[in-house]
Amino acid sequence: MPDDQLLTVTEVMARLRLGRSTVYDLIRSHRLTSITIGRSRRIPVAAVREFVAEQIAEAA
């Protein structure tokens, strides 16, 4: 999967198995990077990978 691919909030919810409000909370707190295109919010695949890596590092 290319790093420049953009995911919807719904796709991130499915990948991380989190609820919508949790994903938006992560975006608001700048723990998950996102961009806005028009009225749509998109999250780069690389941002999801970085978030997961940070969570793993914190848990270690």
C-alpha atoms as a PDB file:
ATOM      1  CA  MET A   1       0.000   0.000   0.000  1.00  0.00           C
ATOM      2  CA  PRO A   2       1.588   3.336  -1.004  1.00  0.00           C
ATOM      3  CA  ASP A   3       2.405   5.835   1.742  1.00  0.00           C
ATOM      4  CA  ASP A   4       0.678   8.662  -0.133  1.00  0.00           C
ATOM      5  CA  GLN A   5      -2.708   6.952   0.012  1.00  0.00           C
ATOM      6  CA  LEU A   6      -5.366   8.865   1.925  1.00  0.00           C
ATOM      7  CA  LEU A   7      -7.919   7.171   4.143  1.00  0.00           C
ATOM      8  CA  THR A   8     -11.348   8.329   5.240  1.00  0.00           C
ATOM      9  CA  VAL A   9     -12.224   8.537   8.927  1.00  0.00           C
ATOM     10  CA  THR A  10     -14.393   5.442   8.457  1.00  0.00           C
ATOM     11  CA  GLU A  11     -11.448   3.509   7.000  1.00  0.00           C
ATOM     12  CA  VAL A  12      -9.221   4.569   9.910  1.00  0.00           C
ATOM     13  CA  MET A  13     -11.956   3.504  12.323  1.00  0.00           C
ATOM     14  CA  ALA A  14     -11.977   0.040  10.759  1.00  0.00           C
ATOM     15  CA  ARG A  15      -8.182  -0.298  10.675  1.00  0.00           C
ATOM     16  CA  LEU A  16      -7.678   0.795  14.273  1.00  0.00           C
ATOM     17  CA  ARG A  17     -10.971  -0.673  15.525  1.00  0.00           C
ATOM     18  CA  LEU A  18     -11.885   2.610  17.173  1.00  0.00           C
ATOM     19  CA  GLY A  19     -15.055   4.669  17.241  1.00  0.00           C
ATOM     20  CA  ARG A  20     -15.648   7.795  15.210  1.00  0.00           C
ATOM     21  CA  SER A  21     -15.389  10.158  18.176  1.00  0.00           C
ATOM     22  CA  THR A  22     -12.077   8.594  19.247  1.00  0.00           C
ATOM     23  CA  VAL A  23     -10.593   9.081  15.777  1.00  0.00           C
ATOM     24  CA  TYR A  24     -11.735  12.714  15.715  1.00  0.00           C
ATOM     25  CA  ASP A  25     -10.314  13.204  19.235  1.00  0.00           C
ATOM     26  CA  LEU A  26      -6.949  11.894  18.000  1.00  0.00           C
ATOM     27  CA  ILE A  27      -7.105  14.323  15.072  1.00  0.00           C
ATOM     28  CA  ARG A  28      -8.066  17.263  17.322  1.00  0.00           C
ATOM     29  CA  SER A  29      -5.246  16.482  19.759  1.00  0.00           C
ATOM     30  CA  HIS A  30      -2.750  16.268  16.846  1.00  0.00           C
ATOM     31  CA  ARG A  31      -1.878  12.670  17.698  1.00  0.00           C
ATOM     32  CA  LEU A  32      -3.140  11.640  14.247  1.00  0.00           C
ATOM     33  CA  THR A  33      -2.245  13.838  11.290  1.00  0.00           C
ATOM     34  CA  SER A  34      -4.990  14.655   8.801  1.00  0.00           C
ATOM     35  CA  ILE A  35      -5.822  17.019   5.986  1.00  0.00           C
ATOM     36  CA  THR A  36      -9.046  18.576   4.804  1.00  0.00           C
ATOM     37  CA  ILE A  37     -10.028  18.455   1.145  1.00  0.00           C
ATOM     38  CA  GLY A  38     -13.143  20.516   0.646  1.00  0.00           C
ATOM     39  CA  ARG A  39     -15.396  19.329   3.465  1.00  0.00           C
ATOM     40  CA  SER A  40     -13.778  15.892   3.679  1.00  0.00           C
ATOM     41  CA  ARG A  41     -11.207  14.839   6.256  1.00  0.00           C
ATOM     42  CA  ARG A  42      -8.463  12.468   5.023  1.00  0.00           C
ATOM     43  CA  ILE A  43      -5.715  10.706   6.945  1.00  0.00           C
ATOM     44  CA  PRO A  44      -2.488   9.589   5.218  1.00  0.00           C
ATOM     45  CA  VAL A  45      -1.619   5.896   5.599  1.00  0.00           C
ATOM     46  CA  ALA A  46       1.803   6.979   6.879  1.00  0.00           C
ATOM     47  CA  ALA A  47       0.123   8.928   9.712  1.00  0.00           C
ATOM     48  CA  VAL A  48      -1.776   5.827  10.816  1.00  0.00           C
ATOM     49  CA  ARG A  49       1.452   3.790  10.756  1.00  0.00           C
ATOM     50  CA  GLU A  50       3.267   6.472  12.791  1.00  0.00           C
ATOM     51  CA  PHE A  51       0.447   6.585  15.333  1.00  0.00           C
ATOM     52  CA  VAL A  52       0.544   2.803  15.783  1.00  0.00           C
ATOM     53  CA  ALA A  53       4.347   2.835  16.102  1.00  0.00           C
ATOM     54  CA  GLU A  54       4.129   5.552  18.783  1.00  0.00           C
ATOM     55  CA  GLN A  55       1.539   3.533  20.694  1.00  0.00           C
ATOM     56  CA  ILE A  56       3.766   0.452  20.574  1.00  0.00           C
ATOM     57  CA  ALA A  57       6.794   2.478  21.753  1.00  0.00           C
ATOM     58  CA  GLU A  58       4.796   3.961  24.645  1.00  0.00           C
ATOM     59  CA  ALA A  59       3.588   0.526  25.712  1.00  0.00           C
ATOM     60  CA  ALA A  60       7.118  -0.925  25.765  1.00  0.00           C
END
